[in-house]
C-alpha atoms as a PDB file:
ATOM      1  CA  UNK A   1      56.016  28.526  78.197  1.00  0.00           C
ATOM      2  CA  UNK A   2      55.893  25.983  81.029  1.00  0.00           C
ATOM      3  CA  UNK A   3      59.587  25.148  80.721  1.00  0.00           C
ATOM      4  CA  UNK A   4      60.527  28.613  82.030  1.00  0.00           C
ATOM      5  CA  UNK A   5      58.224  28.605  85.069  1.00  0.00           C
ATOM      6  CA  UNK A   6      60.229  29.144  88.244  1.00  0.00           C
ATOM      7  CA  UNK A   7      63.399  29.740  86.258  1.00  0.00           C
ATOM      8  CA  UNK A   8      65.408  32.879  85.607  1.00  0.00           C
ATOM      9  CA  UNK A   9      64.757  34.017  82.026  1.00  0.00           C
ATOM     10  CA  UNK A  10      67.504  35.623  79.982  1.00  0.00           C
ATOM     11  CA  UNK A  11      66.172  38.004  77.356  1.00  0.00           C
ATOM     12  CA  UNK A  12      66.837  41.305  75.621  1.00  0.00           C
ATOM     13  CA  UNK A  13      65.932  44.664  77.098  1.00  0.00           C
ATOM     14  CA  UNK A  14      66.613  48.308  76.278  1.00  0.00           C
ATOM     15  CA  UNK A  15      68.528  49.570  79.304  1.00  0.00           C
ATOM     16  CA  UNK A  16      69.011  53.213  80.240  1.00  0.00           C
ATOM     17  CA  UNK A  17      72.389  53.410  81.960  1.00  0.00           C
ATOM     18  CA  UNK A  18      72.473  57.189  82.348  1.00  0.00           C
ATOM     19  CA  UNK A  19      70.096  60.144  82.030  1.00  0.00           C
ATOM     20  CA  UNK A  20      69.673  61.262  78.444  1.00  0.00           C
ATOM     21  CA  UNK A  21      72.125  58.708  77.042  1.00  0.00           C
ATOM     22  CA  UNK A  22      70.967  56.304  74.284  1.00  0.00           C
ATOM     23  CA  UNK A  23      69.340  53.099  75.506  1.00  0.00           C
ATOM     24  CA  UNK A  24      71.488  50.008  75.090  1.00  0.00           C
ATOM     25  CA  UNK A  25      70.164  46.585  74.055  1.00  0.00           C
ATOM     26  CA  UNK A  26      71.413  44.223  76.725  1.00  0.00           C
ATOM     27  CA  UNK A  27      70.838  40.637  77.803  1.00  0.00           C
ATOM     28  CA  UNK A  28      69.127  40.829  81.168  1.00  0.00           C
ATOM     29  CA  UNK A  29      68.127  38.222  83.703  1.00  0.00           C
ATOM     30  CA  UNK A  30      64.472  38.307  84.760  1.00  0.00           C
ATOM     31  CA  UNK A  31      63.751  36.518  88.034  1.00  0.00           C
ATOM     32  CA  UNK A  32      60.568  34.484  88.604  1.00  0.00           C
ATOM     33  CA  UNK A  33      57.552  36.311  90.043  1.00  0.00           C
ATOM     34  CA  UNK A  34      57.152  36.405  93.807  1.00  0.00           C
ATOM     35  CA  UNK A  35      53.886  36.613  95.781  1.00  0.00           C
ATOM     36  CA  UNK A  36      51.204  38.669  93.999  1.00  0.00           C
ATOM     37  CA  UNK A  37      53.468  39.125  90.980  1.00  0.00           C
ATOM     38  CA  UNK A  38      53.183  38.042  87.357  1.00  0.00           C
ATOM     39  CA  UNK A  39      55.874  37.514  84.746  1.00  0.00           C
ATOM     40  CA  UNK A  40      54.732  38.726  81.340  1.00  0.00           C
ATOM     41  CA  UNK A  41      56.104  38.193  77.860  1.00  0.00           C
ATOM     42  CA  UNK A  42      55.862  41.615  76.215  1.00  0.00           C
ATOM     43  CA  UNK A  43      54.841  41.352  72.560  1.00  0.00           C
ATOM     44  CA  UNK A  44      54.270  45.013  71.754  1.00  0.00           C
ATOM     45  CA  UNK A  45      55.274  48.230  73.489  1.00  0.00           C
ATOM     46  CA  UNK A  46      54.950  51.842  72.446  1.00  0.00           C
ATOM     47  CA  UNK A  47      56.834  54.967  73.449  1.00  0.00           C
ATOM     48  CA  UNK A  48      55.035  57.474  75.647  1.00  0.00           C
ATOM     49  CA  UNK A  49      56.377  60.957  76.286  1.00  0.00           C
ATOM     50  CA  UNK A  50      56.489  60.121  79.992  1.00  0.00           C
ATOM     51  CA  UNK A  51      59.217  57.569  79.269  1.00  0.00           C
ATOM     52  CA  UNK A  52      61.268  60.283  77.551  1.00  0.00           C
ATOM     53  CA  UNK A  53      60.578  62.765  80.358  1.00  0.00           C
ATOM     54  CA  UNK A  54      61.986  60.477  83.047  1.00  0.00           C
ATOM     55  CA  UNK A  55      64.812  59.203  80.835  1.00  0.00           C
ATOM     56  CA  UNK A  56      65.964  62.835  80.475  1.00  0.00           C
ATOM     57  CA  UNK A  57      65.702  63.142  84.293  1.00  0.00           C
ATOM     58  CA  UNK A  58      65.432  66.925  84.209  1.00  0.00           C
ATOM     59  CA  UNK A  59      64.091  67.835  87.625  1.00  0.00           C
ATOM     60  CA  UNK A  60      63.255  64.276  88.690  1.00  0.00           C
ATOM     61  CA  UNK A  61      65.175  61.991  90.987  1.00  0.00           C
ATOM     62  CA  UNK A  62      67.607  60.191  88.657  1.00  0.00           C
ATOM     63  CA  UNK A  63      67.421  56.426  89.137  1.00  0.00           C
ATOM     64  CA  UNK A  64      69.714  54.395  86.901  1.00  0.00           C
ATOM     65  CA  UNK A  65      70.310  51.887  85.390  1.00  0.00           C
ATOM     66  CA  UNK A  66      66.659  51.434  84.547  1.00  0.00           C
ATOM     67  CA  UNK A  67      64.309  49.764  82.078  1.00  0.00           C
ATOM     68  CA  UNK A  68      61.613  52.149  80.894  1.00  0.00           C
ATOM     69  CA  UNK A  69      58.346  51.472  79.074  1.00  0.00           C
ATOM     70  CA  UNK A  70      54.764  51.340  80.358  1.00  0.00           C
ATOM     71  CA  UNK A  71      52.428  51.311  77.345  1.00  0.00           C
ATOM     72  CA  UNK A  72      52.318  47.707  76.180  1.00  0.00           C
ATOM     73  CA  UNK A  73      50.548  44.407  75.602  1.00  0.00           C
ATOM     74  CA  UNK A  74      51.677  40.906  76.422  1.00  0.00           C
ATOM     75  CA  UNK A  75      50.928  37.352  77.526  1.00  0.00           C
ATOM     76  CA  UNK A  76      51.269  35.904  81.013  1.00  0.00           C
ATOM     77  CA  UNK A  77      54.250  33.522  81.240  1.00  0.00           C
ATOM     78  CA  UNK A  78      53.923  32.554  84.915  1.00  0.00           C
ATOM     79  CA  UNK A  79      52.343  33.746  88.150  1.00  0.00           C
ATOM     80  CA  UNK A  80      53.552  34.005  91.708  1.00  0.00           C
ATOM     81  CA  UNK A  81      52.004  32.755  94.907  1.00  0.00           C
ATOM     82  CA  UNK A  82      48.544  34.113  95.668  1.00  0.00           C
ATOM     83  CA  UNK A  83      47.708  35.137  92.098  1.00  0.00           C
ATOM     84  CA  UNK A  84      44.260  33.758  91.236  1.00  0.00           C
ATOM     85  CA  UNK A  85      42.940  36.271  88.687  1.00  0.00           C
ATOM     86  CA  UNK A  86      45.496  35.401  85.997  1.00  0.00           C
ATOM     87  CA  UNK A  87      47.039  32.271  84.544  1.00  0.00           C
ATOM     88  CA  UNK A  88      49.723  31.515  81.936  1.00  0.00           C
ATOM     89  CA  UNK A  89      48.523  32.359  78.437  1.00  0.00           C
ATOM     90  CA  UNK A  90      46.198  35.204  79.467  1.00  0.00           C
ATOM     91  CA  UNK A  91      46.455  38.376  77.391  1.00  0.00           C
ATOM     92  CA  UNK A  92      47.130  41.455  79.515  1.00  0.00           C
ATOM     93  CA  UNK A  93      47.775  45.182  79.397  1.00  0.00           C
ATOM     94  CA  UNK A  94      50.296  46.430  81.987  1.00  0.00           C
ATOM     95  CA  UNK A  95      49.273  49.728  83.575  1.00  0.00           C
ATOM     96  CA  UNK A  96      51.460  52.289  85.361  1.00  0.00           C
ATOM     97  CA  UNK A  97      48.890  52.577  88.135  1.00  0.00           C
ATOM     98  CA  UNK A  98      47.041  49.760  89.813  1.00  0.00           C
ATOM     99  CA  UNK A  99      43.955  48.471  91.553  1.00  0.00           C
ATOM    100  CA  UNK A 100      44.404  46.401  94.714  1.00  0.00           C
ATOM    101  CA  UNK A 101      40.595  46.159  95.105  1.00  0.00           C
ATOM    102  CA  UNK A 102      40.933  46.437  98.893  1.00  0.00           C
ATOM    103  CA  UNK A 103      41.738  50.070  99.786  1.00  0.00           C
ATOM    104  CA  UNK A 104      39.269  52.931 100.248  1.00  0.00           C
ATOM    105  CA  UNK A 105      40.029  54.310  96.781  1.00  0.00           C
ATOM    106  CA  UNK A 106      39.462  50.969  95.076  1.00  0.00           C
ATOM    107  CA  UNK A 107      36.186  50.469  96.935  1.00  0.00           C
ATOM    108  CA  UNK A 108      35.025  53.973  96.024  1.00  0.00           C
ATOM    109  CA  UNK A 109      33.015  54.412  92.827  1.00  0.00           C
ATOM    110  CA  UNK A 110      34.512  57.893  92.462  1.00  0.00           C
ATOM    111  CA  UNK A 111      38.248  57.177  92.614  1.00  0.00           C
ATOM    112  CA  UNK A 112      40.876  55.104  90.834  1.00  0.00           C
ATOM    113  CA  UNK A 113      43.829  56.293  92.938  1.00  0.00           C
ATOM    114  CA  UNK A 114      44.731  53.026  94.658  1.00  0.00           C
ATOM    115  CA  UNK A 115      46.587  53.540  97.943  1.00  0.00           C
ATOM    116  CA  UNK A 116      48.881  50.577  97.345  1.00  0.00           C
ATOM    117  CA  UNK A 117      49.557  50.755  93.620  1.00  0.00           C
ATOM    118  CA  UNK A 118      49.149  54.331  92.441  1.00  0.00           C
ATOM    119  CA  UNK A 119      51.990  55.549  90.248  1.00  0.00           C
ATOM    120  CA  UNK A 120      55.331  55.999  91.978  1.00  0.00           C
ATOM    121  CA  UNK A 121      58.065  57.215  89.637  1.00  0.00           C
ATOM    122  CA  UNK A 122      60.754  57.122  92.331  1.00  0.00           C
ATOM    123  CA  UNK A 123      60.347  53.438  93.203  1.00  0.00           C
ATOM    124  CA  UNK A 124      62.537  51.135  91.136  1.00  0.00           C
ATOM    125  CA  UNK A 125      61.876  47.876  93.000  1.00  0.00           C
ATOM    126  CA  UNK A 126      59.008  45.489  93.684  1.00  0.00           C
ATOM    127  CA  UNK A 127      56.701  46.062  96.639  1.00  0.00           C
ATOM    128  CA  UNK A 128      56.928  42.472  97.879  1.00  0.00           C
ATOM    129  CA  UNK A 129      60.564  42.508  98.990  1.00  0.00           C
ATOM    130  CA  UNK A 130      62.021  45.862  97.925  1.00  0.00           C
ATOM    131  CA  UNK A 131      64.187  44.207  95.272  1.00  0.00           C
ATOM    132  CA  UNK A 132      64.389  44.362  91.490  1.00  0.00           C
ATOM    133  CA  UNK A 133      63.533  41.350  89.320  1.00  0.00           C
ATOM    134  CA  UNK A 134      65.999  42.540  86.650  1.00  0.00           C
ATOM    135  CA  UNK A 135      69.755  42.090  86.769  1.00  0.00           C
ATOM    136  CA  UNK A 136      72.857  41.955  84.563  1.00  0.00           C
ATOM    137  CA  UNK A 137      75.700  39.826  85.920  1.00  0.00           C
ATOM    138  CA  UNK A 138      74.228  40.154  89.388  1.00  0.00           C
ATOM    139  CA  UNK A 139      73.856  43.949  89.231  1.00  0.00           C
ATOM    140  CA  UNK A 140      70.238  45.096  89.807  1.00  0.00           C
ATOM    141  CA  UNK A 141      68.510  47.055  87.044  1.00  0.00           C
ATOM    142  CA  UNK A 142      65.683  49.250  88.300  1.00  0.00           C
ATOM    143  CA  UNK A 143      62.028  49.016  87.308  1.00  0.00           C
ATOM    144  CA  UNK A 144      59.994  51.975  86.032  1.00  0.00           C
ATOM    145  CA  UNK A 145      56.429  52.686  87.283  1.00  0.00           C
ATOM    146  CA  UNK A 146      56.029  48.987  88.027  1.00  0.00           C
ATOM    147  CA  UNK A 147      55.936  47.938  84.372  1.00  0.00           C
ATOM    148  CA  UNK A 148      59.312  48.205  82.523  1.00  0.00           C
ATOM    149  CA  UNK A 149      57.966  47.042  79.182  1.00  0.00           C
ATOM    150  CA  UNK A 150      61.119  47.793  77.170  1.00  0.00           C
ATOM    151  CA  UNK A 151      62.087  44.212  77.980  1.00  0.00           C
ATOM    152  CA  UNK A 152      61.028  40.978  76.314  1.00  0.00           C
ATOM    153  CA  UNK A 153      59.950  39.726  79.756  1.00  0.00           C
ATOM    154  CA  UNK A 154      59.008  41.763  82.798  1.00  0.00           C
ATOM    155  CA  UNK A 155      57.595  41.183  86.281  1.00  0.00           C
ATOM    156  CA  UNK A 156      54.552  43.197  87.355  1.00  0.00           C
ATOM    157  CA  UNK A 157      52.288  43.308  90.414  1.00  0.00           C
ATOM    158  CA  UNK A 158      49.029  41.504  89.625  1.00  0.00           C
ATOM    159  CA  UNK A 159      47.097  44.667  90.514  1.00  0.00           C
ATOM    160  CA  UNK A 160      48.731  46.517  87.608  1.00  0.00           C
ATOM    161  CA  UNK A 161      47.581  44.075  84.914  1.00  0.00           C
ATOM    162  CA  UNK A 162      44.267  44.204  83.077  1.00  0.00           C
ATOM    163  CA  UNK A 163      43.147  40.861  81.629  1.00  0.00           C
ATOM    164  CA  UNK A 164      41.668  41.477  78.179  1.00  0.00           C
ATOM    165  CA  UNK A 165      39.933  39.714  75.325  1.00  0.00           C
ATOM    166  CA  UNK A 166      42.503  37.355  73.714  1.00  0.00           C
ATOM    167  CA  UNK A 167      41.088  38.231  70.288  1.00  0.00           C
ATOM    168  CA  UNK A 168      42.068  41.891  70.680  1.00  0.00           C
ATOM    169  CA  UNK A 169      45.131  42.760  68.538  1.00  0.00           C
ATOM    170  CA  UNK A 170      47.849  43.587  71.057  1.00  0.00           C
ATOM    171  CA  UNK A 171      49.711  45.766  68.557  1.00  0.00           C
ATOM    172  CA  UNK A 172      46.669  48.089  68.517  1.00  0.00           C
ATOM    173  CA  UNK A 173      45.216  47.915  72.030  1.00  0.00           C
ATOM    174  CA  UNK A 174      48.598  48.302  73.766  1.00  0.00           C
ATOM    175  CA  UNK A 175      48.152  52.087  73.540  1.00  0.00           C
ATOM    176  CA  UNK A 176      44.986  51.780  75.646  1.00  0.00           C
ATOM    177  CA  UNK A 177      47.163  51.077  78.680  1.00  0.00           C
ATOM    178  CA  UNK A 178      48.121  54.742  79.016  1.00  0.00           C
ATOM    179  CA  UNK A 179      47.480  57.760  76.791  1.00  0.00           C
ATOM    180  CA  UNK A 180      44.373  56.799  74.859  1.00  0.00           C
ATOM    181  CA  UNK A 181      42.418  55.703  77.926  1.00  0.00           C
ATOM    182  CA  UNK A 182      43.581  58.819  79.767  1.00  0.00           C
ATOM    183  CA  UNK A 183      42.168  61.171  77.123  1.00  0.00           C
ATOM    184  CA  UNK A 184      39.027  59.150  76.408  1.00  0.00           C
ATOM    185  CA  UNK A 185      38.176  58.794  80.071  1.00  0.00           C
ATOM    186  CA  UNK A 186      38.875  62.451  80.810  1.00  0.00           C
ATOM    187  CA  UNK A 187      36.008  63.333  78.472  1.00  0.00           C
ATOM    188  CA  UNK A 188      33.585  60.445  79.019  1.00  0.00           C
ATOM    189  CA  UNK A 189      34.102  59.860  82.755  1.00  0.00           C
ATOM    190  CA  UNK A 190      34.991  63.309  84.078  1.00  0.00           C
ATOM    191  CA  UNK A 191      33.901  66.112  81.725  1.00  0.00           C
ATOM    192  CA  UNK A 192      30.762  64.149  80.724  1.00  0.00           C
ATOM    193  CA  UNK A 193      29.577  66.452  77.914  1.00  0.00           C
ATOM    194  CA  UNK A 194      25.893  66.245  77.067  1.00  0.00           C
ATOM    195  CA  UNK A 195      24.724  65.453  73.556  1.00  0.00           C
ATOM    196  CA  UNK A 196      24.795  68.613  71.457  1.00  0.00           C
ATOM    197  CA  UNK A 197      27.250  70.408  73.747  1.00  0.00           C
ATOM    198  CA  UNK A 198      30.421  72.298  72.841  1.00  0.00           C
ATOM    199  CA  UNK A 199      33.838  70.986  73.855  1.00  0.00           C
ATOM    200  CA  UNK A 200      37.334  72.480  73.562  1.00  0.00           C
ATOM    201  CA  UNK A 201      40.366  70.183  73.596  1.00  0.00           C
ATOM    202  CA  UNK A 202      43.751  71.771  74.339  1.00  0.00           C
ATOM    203  CA  UNK A 203      46.639  69.837  72.804  1.00  0.00           C
ATOM    204  CA  UNK A 204      46.120  67.475  69.888  1.00  0.00           C
ATOM    205  CA  UNK A 205      48.713  64.817  70.610  1.00  0.00           C
ATOM    206  CA  UNK A 206      47.624  61.238  71.283  1.00  0.00           C
ATOM    207  CA  UNK A 207      45.879  62.084  74.568  1.00  0.00           C
ATOM    208  CA  UNK A 208      44.097  65.093  73.067  1.00  0.00           C
ATOM    209  CA  UNK A 209      42.935  63.110  70.041  1.00  0.00           C
ATOM    210  CA  UNK A 210      41.478  60.511  72.406  1.00  0.00           C
ATOM    211  CA  UNK A 211      39.739  63.290  74.351  1.00  0.00           C
ATOM    212  CA  UNK A 212      38.247  64.575  71.081  1.00  0.00           C
ATOM    213  CA  UNK A 213      37.099  61.051  70.242  1.00  0.00           C
ATOM    214  CA  UNK A 214      35.399  60.915  73.636  1.00  0.00           C
ATOM    215  CA  UNK A 215      33.543  64.134  72.826  1.00  0.00           C
ATOM    216  CA  UNK A 216      32.481  62.682  69.480  1.00  0.00           C
ATOM    217  CA  UNK A 217      31.201  59.507  71.147  1.00  0.00           C
ATOM    218  CA  UNK A 218      29.271  61.646  73.649  1.00  0.00           C
ATOM    219  CA  UNK A 219      27.558  63.477  70.775  1.00  0.00           C
ATOM    220  CA  UNK A 220      29.102  66.933  71.124  1.00  0.00           C
ATOM    221  CA  UNK A 221      27.984  69.270  68.345  1.00  0.00           C
ATOM    222  CA  UNK A 222      31.171  71.352  68.247  1.00  0.00           C
ATOM    223  CA  UNK A 223      34.633  70.064  69.141  1.00  0.00           C
ATOM    224  CA  UNK A 224      37.222  72.823  69.033  1.00  0.00           C
ATOM    225  CA  UNK A 225      40.833  71.688  68.836  1.00  0.00           C
ATOM    226  CA  UNK A 226      43.425  74.071  70.273  1.00  0.00           C
ATOM    227  CA  UNK A 227      47.087  73.605  69.373  1.00  0.00           C
ATOM    228  CA  UNK A 228      50.150  75.644  68.461  1.00  0.00           C
ATOM    229  CA  UNK A 229      50.759  73.295  65.517  1.00  0.00           C
ATOM    230  CA  UNK A 230      48.209  73.905  62.761  1.00  0.00           C
ATOM    231  CA  UNK A 231      49.328  70.756  60.950  1.00  0.00           C
ATOM    232  CA  UNK A 232      47.596  68.665  63.590  1.00  0.00           C
ATOM    233  CA  UNK A 233      44.078  69.675  62.639  1.00  0.00           C
ATOM    234  CA  UNK A 234      43.680  67.372  59.638  1.00  0.00           C
ATOM    235  CA  UNK A 235      44.414  64.361  61.829  1.00  0.00           C
ATOM    236  CA  UNK A 236      42.165  65.750  64.566  1.00  0.00           C
ATOM    237  CA  UNK A 237      39.233  65.838  62.143  1.00  0.00           C
ATOM    238  CA  UNK A 238      39.356  62.036  62.020  1.00  0.00           C
ATOM    239  CA  UNK A 239      38.748  62.007  65.776  1.00  0.00           C
ATOM    240  CA  UNK A 240      35.780  64.360  65.701  1.00  0.00           C
ATOM    241  CA  UNK A 241      37.285  67.854  65.826  1.00  0.00           C
ATOM    242  CA  UNK A 242      35.075  70.294  63.928  1.00  0.00           C
ATOM    243  CA  UNK A 243      37.076  73.501  64.345  1.00  0.00           C
ATOM    244  CA  UNK A 244      40.639  74.518  65.073  1.00  0.00           C
ATOM    245  CA  UNK A 245      42.213  77.421  66.943  1.00  0.00           C
ATOM    246  CA  UNK A 246      45.920  78.221  66.929  1.00  0.00           C
ATOM    247  CA  UNK A 247      46.606  80.699  69.760  1.00  0.00           C
ATOM    248  CA  UNK A 248      49.505  82.147  67.747  1.00  0.00           C
ATOM    249  CA  UNK A 249      47.026  83.459  65.166  1.00  0.00           C
ATOM    250  CA  UNK A 250      45.472  85.934  67.627  1.00  0.00           C
ATOM    251  CA  UNK A 251      46.637  88.953  69.601  1.00  0.00           C
ATOM    252  CA  UNK A 252      44.342  88.187  72.531  1.00  0.00           C
ATOM    253  CA  UNK A 253      44.183  85.303  75.047  1.00  0.00           C
ATOM    254  CA  UNK A 254      42.805  82.152  73.449  1.00  0.00           C
ATOM    255  CA  UNK A 255      40.119  81.875  76.130  1.00  0.00           C
ATOM    256  CA  UNK A 256      38.671  85.152  74.864  1.00  0.00           C
ATOM    257  CA  UNK A 257      38.768  83.863  71.287  1.00  0.00           C
ATOM    258  CA  UNK A 258      36.870  80.724  72.283  1.00  0.00           C
ATOM    259  CA  UNK A 259      34.340  82.679  74.356  1.00  0.00           C
ATOM    260  CA  UNK A 260      33.581  84.843  71.317  1.00  0.00           C
ATOM    261  CA  UNK A 261      33.225  81.767  69.092  1.00  0.00           C
ATOM    262  CA  UNK A 262      30.779  80.091  71.468  1.00  0.00           C
ATOM    263  CA  UNK A 263      28.588  82.880  72.831  1.00  0.00           C
ATOM    264  CA  UNK A 264      30.246  83.034  76.240  1.00  0.00           C
ATOM    265  CA  UNK A 265      32.309  79.869  76.432  1.00  0.00           C
ATOM    266  CA  UNK A 266      32.288  76.136  75.813  1.00  0.00           C
ATOM    267  CA  UNK A 267      30.295  73.717  77.936  1.00  0.00           C
ATOM    268  CA  UNK A 268      33.326  71.520  78.590  1.00  0.00           C
ATOM    269  CA  UNK A 269      37.083  71.750  78.050  1.00  0.00           C
ATOM    270  CA  UNK A 270      39.814  69.147  78.381  1.00  0.00           C
ATOM    271  CA  UNK A 271      43.451  70.217  78.760  1.00  0.00           C
ATOM    272  CA  UNK A 272      46.001  67.672  77.512  1.00  0.00           C
ATOM    273  CA  UNK A 273      49.326  69.523  77.327  1.00  0.00           C
ATOM    274  CA  UNK A 274      50.587  70.069  80.866  1.00  0.00           C
ATOM    275  CA  UNK A 275      51.425  73.676  79.959  1.00  0.00           C
ATOM    276  CA  UNK A 276      50.275  75.894  82.818  1.00  0.00           C
ATOM    277  CA  UNK A 277      49.076  78.686  80.507  1.00  0.00           C
ATOM    278  CA  UNK A 278      46.996  76.192  78.540  1.00  0.00           C
ATOM    279  CA  UNK A 279      45.530  74.926  81.810  1.00  0.00           C
ATOM    280  CA  UNK A 280      44.443  78.417  82.807  1.00  0.00           C
ATOM    281  CA  UNK A 281      43.028  79.081  79.338  1.00  0.00           C
ATOM    282  CA  UNK A 282      41.126  75.786  79.393  1.00  0.00           C
ATOM    283  CA  UNK A 283      39.474  76.766  82.660  1.00  0.00           C
ATOM    284  CA  UNK A 284      38.732  80.356  81.734  1.00  0.00           C
ATOM    285  CA  UNK A 285      37.198  79.420  78.358  1.00  0.00           C
ATOM    286  CA  UNK A 286      34.290  77.451  79.828  1.00  0.00           C
ATOM    287  CA  UNK A 287      30.870  79.062  80.152  1.00  0.00           C
ATOM    288  CA  UNK A 288      29.848  80.540  83.489  1.00  0.00           C
ATOM    289  CA  UNK A 289      26.972  78.827  85.244  1.00  0.00           C
ATOM    290  CA  UNK A 290      27.697  75.299  84.032  1.00  0.00           C
ATOM    291  CA  UNK A 291      31.093  75.058  82.359  1.00  0.00           C
ATOM    292  CA  UNK A 292      33.462  72.282  83.437  1.00  0.00           C
ATOM    293  CA  UNK A 293      37.193  72.180  82.703  1.00  0.00           C
ATOM    294  CA  UNK A 294      39.207  68.990  83.159  1.00  0.00           C
ATOM    295  CA  UNK A 295      42.992  69.015  83.573  1.00  0.00           C
ATOM    296  CA  UNK A 296      44.847  65.988  82.223  1.00  0.00           C
ATOM    297  CA  UNK A 297      48.387  67.148  81.414  1.00  0.00           C
ATOM    298  CA  UNK A 298      51.095  66.979  84.086  1.00  0.00           C
ATOM    299  CA  UNK A 299      52.632  70.421  84.715  1.00  0.00           C
ATOM    300  CA  UNK A 300      56.188  71.363  85.589  1.00  0.00           C
ATOM    301  CA  UNK A 301      56.855  70.711  89.276  1.00  0.00           C
ATOM    302  CA  UNK A 302      57.183  74.456  90.004  1.00  0.00           C
ATOM    303  CA  UNK A 303      54.140  75.558  87.995  1.00  0.00           C
ATOM    304  CA  UNK A 304      51.418  77.561  89.780  1.00  0.00           C
ATOM    305  CA  UNK A 305      47.811  77.747  88.585  1.00  0.00           C
ATOM    306  CA  UNK A 306      46.493  81.299  88.858  1.00  0.00           C
ATOM    307  CA  UNK A 307      42.992  82.557  88.082  1.00  0.00           C
ATOM    308  CA  UNK A 308      40.659  85.097  89.643  1.00  0.00           C
ATOM    309  CA  UNK A 309      38.375  83.576  92.301  1.00  0.00           C
ATOM    310  CA  UNK A 310      35.357  85.109  90.531  1.00  0.00           C
ATOM    311  CA  UNK A 311      35.858  82.589  87.749  1.00  0.00           C
ATOM    312  CA  UNK A 312      34.952  79.915  90.280  1.00  0.00           C
ATOM    313  CA  UNK A 313      32.302  81.917  92.063  1.00  0.00           C
ATOM    314  CA  UNK A 314      30.553  82.410  88.732  1.00  0.00           C
ATOM    315  CA  UNK A 315      29.882  78.669  88.742  1.00  0.00           C
ATOM    316  CA  UNK A 316      32.661  77.305  86.618  1.00  0.00           C
ATOM    317  CA  UNK A 317      34.010  73.939  87.745  1.00  0.00           C
ATOM    318  CA  UNK A 318      37.649  72.838  87.625  1.00  0.00           C
ATOM    319  CA  UNK A 319      38.457  69.123  87.828  1.00  0.00           C
ATOM    320  CA  UNK A 320      41.507  66.947  87.543  1.00  0.00           C
ATOM    321  CA  UNK A 321      41.804  63.370  86.395  1.00  0.00           C
ATOM    322  CA  UNK A 322      44.265  60.528  86.591  1.00  0.00           C
ATOM    323  CA  UNK A 323      44.227  57.819  83.901  1.00  0.00           C
ATOM    324  CA  UNK A 324      40.802  59.052  82.802  1.00  0.00           C
ATOM    325  CA  UNK A 325      39.284  57.876  86.110  1.00  0.00           C
ATOM    326  CA  UNK A 326      39.440  54.290  84.835  1.00  0.00           C
ATOM    327  CA  UNK A 327      40.148  51.540  87.360  1.00  0.00           C
ATOM    328  CA  UNK A 328      42.736  49.454  85.479  1.00  0.00           C
ATOM    329  CA  UNK A 329      41.537  45.925  86.250  1.00  0.00           C
ATOM    330  CA  UNK A 330      37.823  46.655  86.425  1.00  0.00           C
ATOM    331  CA  UNK A 331      37.392  49.129  83.572  1.00  0.00           C
ATOM    332  CA  UNK A 332      40.136  48.614  80.988  1.00  0.00           C
ATOM    333  CA  UNK A 333      38.693  45.358  79.583  1.00  0.00           C
ATOM    334  CA  UNK A 334      35.521  47.228  78.617  1.00  0.00           C
ATOM    335  CA  UNK A 335      37.569  49.944  76.887  1.00  0.00           C
ATOM    336  CA  UNK A 336      39.184  47.194  74.813  1.00  0.00           C
ATOM    337  CA  UNK A 337      35.705  45.891  73.985  1.00  0.00           C
ATOM    338  CA  UNK A 338      34.715  49.368  72.747  1.00  0.00           C
ATOM    339  CA  UNK A 339      37.574  49.109  70.273  1.00  0.00           C
ATOM    340  CA  UNK A 340      36.685  45.543  69.313  1.00  0.00           C
ATOM    341  CA  UNK A 341      33.053  46.419  68.624  1.00  0.00           C
ATOM    342  CA  UNK A 342      34.200  49.005  66.079  1.00  0.00           C
ATOM    343  CA  UNK A 343      36.635  46.809  64.187  1.00  0.00           C
ATOM    344  CA  UNK A 344      34.517  43.660  63.870  1.00  0.00           C
END
């Protein structure tokens, strides 16, 4: 790798030239990393729904041409000035949010919402100089959430890279850089169900399955999966789900169905769809006195959460979470180790 240090690298990348139009494999030029930046060789990347959402650009600020991708694993090729935590050859997971380790959020034990590096979907350039590190024939190609992993090489701020165990299989742990950690952390770090408790998980996609796994790890006695697609339950069983509710099977609100199933409501619920009705149901299905609902899914920009204030006054708690409350650099390596301890 040393022969490319300080040089422009030409490699392949999947470029989005227009909203909703097929990505095009192009040869792109990737500039060397500047101060506090790292150039990474991406070995594996997965597709997250967020990539599709912003590629469609329905309701977001369209920024094109752009290289998407943010759920990935790779190896450090070179580092810029001031980077001391990483060196060439290190195995890393890029993360769409970061950890500068200096701001009030990073120094807080309760927050992972870094002032400097929290997700910014509108920014398509690097913080250091306001320029892109990608180009084609001199024309800049924009970055996406600071990662742009649909490229064989990419440049990322050091604060958005988690150094991980080099023995961890990157083709497996790459998904820990977004959805899986988000769902797992939502349950373990935010909902915090007690052993023997009841948990409802709304939405059984990748994030919801990870939330169910978190409930299983915590020792929940009942894990109720809620989804409009009944075919998802068999897969959800592998992640700890014990029961399944399809709201379409009932002529009453699903929160009432769950309350009847659980003698007044579940102890904890985790909402992983972003659908505003599911969010309200997830909150209203928790037990009064001690129930906690955690919102994970990102709603439509015009969505409004409505519930009667008595639901709060009767001692139900509503929480939100971002990336499962994990600090990327500090916490993600231990999440990888959780996986490694199970497969060895």
